[in-house]
Amino acid sequence: MKNLQNYIDQKNAWGKFFNSPAITFPLTQSTVDDLARSLDSDLSPENLHCDGEISRAAAQAKYNYYGRVIKELDRYCVNQGLTVPTVHEYY
């Protein structure tokens, strides 16, 4: 679950700038749904490719990372009895 933890750590680091509450385990259904929406945003073509500023290989590496995060989030949900969210931008 290291990719999911890393993703949450990054979200928490950015959240400090906006005084957002930290994401902590155990995750609630609401938090899982928020993470899924955030992943959808991260996977949008504009964000994934940094508006065309990064190479195709770098964008693919980001896509692969987010895919691992999604798989770990899905596994977490199954293990915790939560509804697995849909990330629409992930194919």
N, C-alpha and C. Protein backbone atom coordinates (compact mmCIF):
# COMPACT_ATOMS: atom_id res chain seq x y z
N MET A 1 0.82 -1.19 0.00
CA MET A 1 0.00 0.00 0.00
C MET A 1 0.87 1.26 0.00
N LYS A 2 2.10 1.10 -0.43
CA LYS A 2 3.04 2.24 -0.39
C LYS A 2 2.66 3.33 -1.38
N ASN A 3 2.08 2.98 -2.54
CA ASN A 3 1.70 4.00 -3.51
C ASN A 3 0.53 4.83 -3.00
N LEU A 4 -0.46 4.17 -2.41
CA LEU A 4 -1.60 4.89 -1.83
C LEU A 4 -1.13 5.79 -0.70
N GLN A 5 -0.26 5.28 0.16
CA GLN A 5 0.25 6.09 1.27
C GLN A 5 1.03 7.29 0.74
N ASN A 6 1.85 7.09 -0.29
CA ASN A 6 2.61 8.18 -0.88
C ASN A 6 1.66 9.24 -1.47
N TYR A 7 0.62 8.78 -2.16
CA TYR A 7 -0.35 9.70 -2.75
C TYR A 7 -1.04 10.53 -1.66
N ILE A 8 -1.43 9.86 -0.58
CA ILE A 8 -2.08 10.56 0.53
C ILE A 8 -1.10 11.53 1.18
N ASP A 9 0.14 11.13 1.33
CA ASP A 9 1.16 12.03 1.90
C ASP A 9 1.31 13.29 1.04
N GLN A 10 1.30 13.12 -0.28
CA GLN A 10 1.39 14.28 -1.18
C GLN A 10 0.16 15.17 -1.03
N LYS A 11 -1.02 14.55 -0.95
CA LYS A 11 -2.25 15.33 -0.76
C LYS A 11 -2.21 16.10 0.56
N ASN A 12 -1.71 15.46 1.61
CA ASN A 12 -1.62 16.12 2.91
C ASN A 12 -0.62 17.27 2.88
N ALA A 13 0.49 17.09 2.17
CA ALA A 13 1.49 18.16 2.07
C ALA A 13 0.88 19.39 1.39
N TRP A 14 0.15 19.18 0.30
CA TRP A 14 -0.51 20.30 -0.38
C TRP A 14 -1.63 20.86 0.48
N GLY A 15 -2.32 20.00 1.20
CA GLY A 15 -3.42 20.45 2.03
C GLY A 15 -3.00 21.39 3.14
N LYS A 16 -1.77 21.28 3.58
CA LYS A 16 -1.26 22.17 4.64
C LYS A 16 -1.29 23.62 4.18
N PHE A 17 -1.06 23.86 2.89
CA PHE A 17 -1.07 25.23 2.37
C PHE A 17 -2.46 25.85 2.45
N PHE A 18 -3.48 25.03 2.45
CA PHE A 18 -4.86 25.51 2.44
C PHE A 18 -5.59 25.20 3.75
N ASN A 19 -4.82 24.80 4.76
CA ASN A 19 -5.39 24.45 6.06
C ASN A 19 -6.47 23.38 5.95
N SER A 20 -6.28 22.44 5.03
CA SER A 20 -7.21 21.33 4.88
C SER A 20 -6.90 20.27 5.92
N PRO A 21 -7.92 19.58 6.41
CA PRO A 21 -7.65 18.51 7.38
C PRO A 21 -6.85 17.39 6.73
N ALA A 22 -5.97 16.78 7.47
CA ALA A 22 -5.14 15.70 6.96
C ALA A 22 -5.97 14.45 6.72
N ILE A 23 -5.60 13.74 5.68
CA ILE A 23 -6.22 12.45 5.38
C ILE A 23 -5.50 11.41 6.22
N THR A 24 -6.26 10.66 7.01
CA THR A 24 -5.66 9.65 7.88
C THR A 24 -6.40 8.33 7.71
N PHE A 25 -5.71 7.27 8.07
CA PHE A 25 -6.31 5.94 8.09
C PHE A 25 -6.94 5.70 9.45
N PRO A 26 -8.02 5.00 9.54
CA PRO A 26 -8.75 4.33 8.46
C PRO A 26 -9.52 5.35 7.63
N LEU A 27 -9.59 5.10 6.33
CA LEU A 27 -10.29 5.98 5.41
C LEU A 27 -11.80 5.76 5.52
N THR A 28 -12.55 6.83 5.41
CA THR A 28 -14.00 6.74 5.38
C THR A 28 -14.45 6.65 3.92
N GLN A 29 -15.71 6.30 3.71
CA GLN A 29 -16.23 6.25 2.34
C GLN A 29 -16.13 7.63 1.69
N SER A 30 -16.40 8.66 2.44
CA SER A 30 -16.32 10.02 1.92
C SER A 30 -14.90 10.36 1.46
N THR A 31 -13.92 9.97 2.26
CA THR A 31 -12.53 10.22 1.91
C THR A 31 -12.13 9.43 0.68
N VAL A 32 -12.57 8.18 0.60
CA VAL A 32 -12.29 7.34 -0.57
C VAL A 32 -12.87 7.99 -1.82
N ASP A 33 -14.08 8.48 -1.72
CA ASP A 33 -14.73 9.13 -2.86
C ASP A 33 -13.98 10.40 -3.26
N ASP A 34 -13.51 11.17 -2.27
CA ASP A 34 -12.72 12.37 -2.55
C ASP A 34 -11.40 12.01 -3.24
N LEU A 35 -10.76 10.94 -2.78
CA LEU A 35 -9.52 10.50 -3.42
C LEU A 35 -9.76 10.08 -4.86
N ALA A 36 -10.87 9.41 -5.12
CA ALA A 36 -11.21 8.99 -6.48
C ALA A 36 -11.41 10.21 -7.39
N ARG A 37 -12.10 11.22 -6.88
CA ARG A 37 -12.29 12.46 -7.66
C ARG A 37 -10.96 13.15 -7.92
N SER A 38 -10.09 13.12 -6.94
CA SER A 38 -8.77 13.73 -7.10
C SER A 38 -7.95 12.97 -8.15
N LEU A 39 -8.03 11.64 -8.11
CA LEU A 39 -7.33 10.84 -9.11
C LEU A 39 -7.89 11.09 -10.50
N ASP A 40 -9.20 11.25 -10.61
CA ASP A 40 -9.81 11.60 -11.90
C ASP A 40 -9.21 12.90 -12.43
N SER A 41 -9.06 13.87 -11.56
CA SER A 41 -8.48 15.15 -11.96
C SER A 41 -7.01 14.98 -12.37
N ASP A 42 -6.28 14.22 -11.57
CA ASP A 42 -4.86 13.99 -11.88
C ASP A 42 -4.67 13.29 -13.22
N LEU A 43 -5.64 12.45 -13.59
CA LEU A 43 -5.53 11.68 -14.82
C LEU A 43 -6.13 12.38 -16.04
N SER A 44 -6.66 13.58 -15.85
CA SER A 44 -7.17 14.31 -17.02
C SER A 44 -5.98 14.58 -17.95
N PRO A 45 -6.21 14.59 -19.25
CA PRO A 45 -5.10 14.77 -20.19
C PRO A 45 -4.25 16.02 -19.92
N GLU A 46 -4.90 17.11 -19.54
CA GLU A 46 -4.15 18.35 -19.28
C GLU A 46 -3.20 18.18 -18.10
N ASN A 47 -3.69 17.57 -17.03
CA ASN A 47 -2.85 17.38 -15.85
C ASN A 47 -1.82 16.27 -16.06
N LEU A 48 -2.24 15.19 -16.68
CA LEU A 48 -1.34 14.06 -16.89
C LEU A 48 -0.14 14.46 -17.74
N HIS A 49 -0.38 15.24 -18.75
CA HIS A 49 0.69 15.63 -19.67
C HIS A 49 1.27 17.00 -19.35
N CYS A 50 0.85 17.58 -18.22
CA CYS A 50 1.34 18.91 -17.80
C CYS A 50 1.23 19.90 -18.95
N ASP A 51 0.04 19.92 -19.57
CA ASP A 51 -0.24 20.81 -20.71
C ASP A 51 0.80 20.68 -21.82
N GLY A 52 1.28 19.45 -22.03
CA GLY A 52 2.23 19.19 -23.11
C GLY A 52 3.67 19.52 -22.77
N GLU A 53 3.95 19.81 -21.51
CA GLU A 53 5.30 20.22 -21.11
C GLU A 53 6.21 19.06 -20.74
N ILE A 54 5.68 17.84 -20.65
CA ILE A 54 6.53 16.70 -20.32
C ILE A 54 6.51 15.70 -21.46
N SER A 55 7.49 14.82 -21.45
CA SER A 55 7.60 13.82 -22.51
C SER A 55 6.49 12.78 -22.39
N ARG A 56 6.30 12.06 -23.45
CA ARG A 56 5.30 10.98 -23.45
C ARG A 56 5.68 9.92 -22.41
N ALA A 57 6.97 9.64 -22.30
CA ALA A 57 7.42 8.64 -21.32
C ALA A 57 7.14 9.11 -19.89
N ALA A 58 7.33 10.39 -19.62
CA ALA A 58 7.06 10.92 -18.28
C ALA A 58 5.56 10.86 -17.98
N ALA A 59 4.73 11.17 -18.98
CA ALA A 59 3.28 11.09 -18.80
C ALA A 59 2.86 9.64 -18.56
N GLN A 60 3.47 8.70 -19.27
CA GLN A 60 3.14 7.29 -19.08
C GLN A 60 3.55 6.83 -17.68
N ALA A 61 4.69 7.32 -17.19
CA ALA A 61 5.13 6.97 -15.83
C ALA A 61 4.14 7.49 -14.80
N LYS A 62 3.63 8.72 -14.99
CA LYS A 62 2.62 9.26 -14.09
C LYS A 62 1.34 8.42 -14.14
N TYR A 63 0.92 8.05 -15.34
CA TYR A 63 -0.27 7.22 -15.52
C TYR A 63 -0.11 5.89 -14.80
N ASN A 64 1.04 5.28 -14.95
CA ASN A 64 1.30 3.99 -14.30
C ASN A 64 1.26 4.13 -12.78
N TYR A 65 1.84 5.21 -12.26
CA TYR A 65 1.82 5.47 -10.82
C TYR A 65 0.37 5.61 -10.33
N TYR A 66 -0.41 6.43 -11.00
CA TYR A 66 -1.80 6.62 -10.59
C TYR A 66 -2.58 5.30 -10.68
N GLY A 67 -2.25 4.49 -11.67
CA GLY A 67 -2.89 3.17 -11.78
C GLY A 67 -2.59 2.30 -10.57
N ARG A 68 -1.35 2.35 -10.09
CA ARG A 68 -1.00 1.58 -8.89
C ARG A 68 -1.74 2.12 -7.67
N VAL A 69 -1.87 3.44 -7.58
CA VAL A 69 -2.62 4.05 -6.47
C VAL A 69 -4.07 3.57 -6.51
N ILE A 70 -4.68 3.58 -7.69
CA ILE A 70 -6.07 3.16 -7.84
C ILE A 70 -6.24 1.70 -7.43
N LYS A 71 -5.34 0.85 -7.86
CA LYS A 71 -5.43 -0.57 -7.50
C LYS A 71 -5.32 -0.77 -5.99
N GLU A 72 -4.42 -0.03 -5.35
CA GLU A 72 -4.28 -0.14 -3.90
C GLU A 72 -5.50 0.42 -3.18
N LEU A 73 -6.06 1.51 -3.71
CA LEU A 73 -7.28 2.07 -3.12
C LEU A 73 -8.43 1.08 -3.26
N ASP A 74 -8.55 0.45 -4.41
CA ASP A 74 -9.59 -0.56 -4.63
C ASP A 74 -9.43 -1.71 -3.63
N ARG A 75 -8.19 -2.21 -3.48
CA ARG A 75 -7.93 -3.31 -2.56
C ARG A 75 -8.27 -2.90 -1.12
N TYR A 76 -7.91 -1.67 -0.77
CA TYR A 76 -8.22 -1.17 0.57
C TYR A 76 -9.73 -1.17 0.80
N CYS A 77 -10.47 -0.68 -0.19
CA CYS A 77 -11.93 -0.63 -0.06
C CYS A 77 -12.52 -2.02 0.13
N VAL A 78 -12.08 -2.97 -0.66
CA VAL A 78 -12.58 -4.34 -0.54
C VAL A 78 -12.28 -4.89 0.85
N ASN A 79 -11.06 -4.68 1.31
CA ASN A 79 -10.66 -5.20 2.62
C ASN A 79 -11.40 -4.53 3.78
N GLN A 80 -11.81 -3.28 3.58
CA GLN A 80 -12.48 -2.52 4.65
C GLN A 80 -13.99 -2.51 4.51
N GLY A 81 -14.52 -3.17 3.49
CA GLY A 81 -15.96 -3.21 3.29
C GLY A 81 -16.54 -1.91 2.78
N LEU A 82 -15.72 -1.12 2.08
CA LEU A 82 -16.18 0.15 1.51
C LEU A 82 -16.52 -0.06 0.05
N THR A 83 -17.33 0.82 -0.48
CA THR A 83 -17.67 0.77 -1.90
C THR A 83 -16.47 1.23 -2.72
N VAL A 84 -16.11 0.42 -3.69
CA VAL A 84 -14.97 0.75 -4.56
C VAL A 84 -15.41 1.87 -5.49
N PRO A 85 -14.68 3.00 -5.48
CA PRO A 85 -15.07 4.12 -6.32
C PRO A 85 -14.67 3.89 -7.78
N THR A 86 -15.34 4.60 -8.66
CA THR A 86 -14.98 4.56 -10.07
C THR A 86 -14.13 5.77 -10.40
N VAL A 87 -12.99 5.52 -11.01
CA VAL A 87 -12.14 6.59 -11.50
C VAL A 87 -12.32 6.59 -13.01
N HIS A 88 -13.05 7.58 -13.51
CA HIS A 88 -13.48 7.57 -14.90
C HIS A 88 -12.35 7.76 -15.90
N GLU A 89 -11.31 8.46 -15.52
CA GLU A 89 -10.21 8.74 -16.45
C GLU A 89 -9.24 7.58 -16.57
N TYR A 90 -9.39 6.54 -15.76
CA TYR A 90 -8.48 5.38 -15.80
C TYR A 90 -9.11 4.30 -16.65
N TYR A 91 -8.39 3.83 -17.63
CA TYR A 91 -8.94 2.84 -18.58
C TYR A 91 -8.47 1.47 -18.23
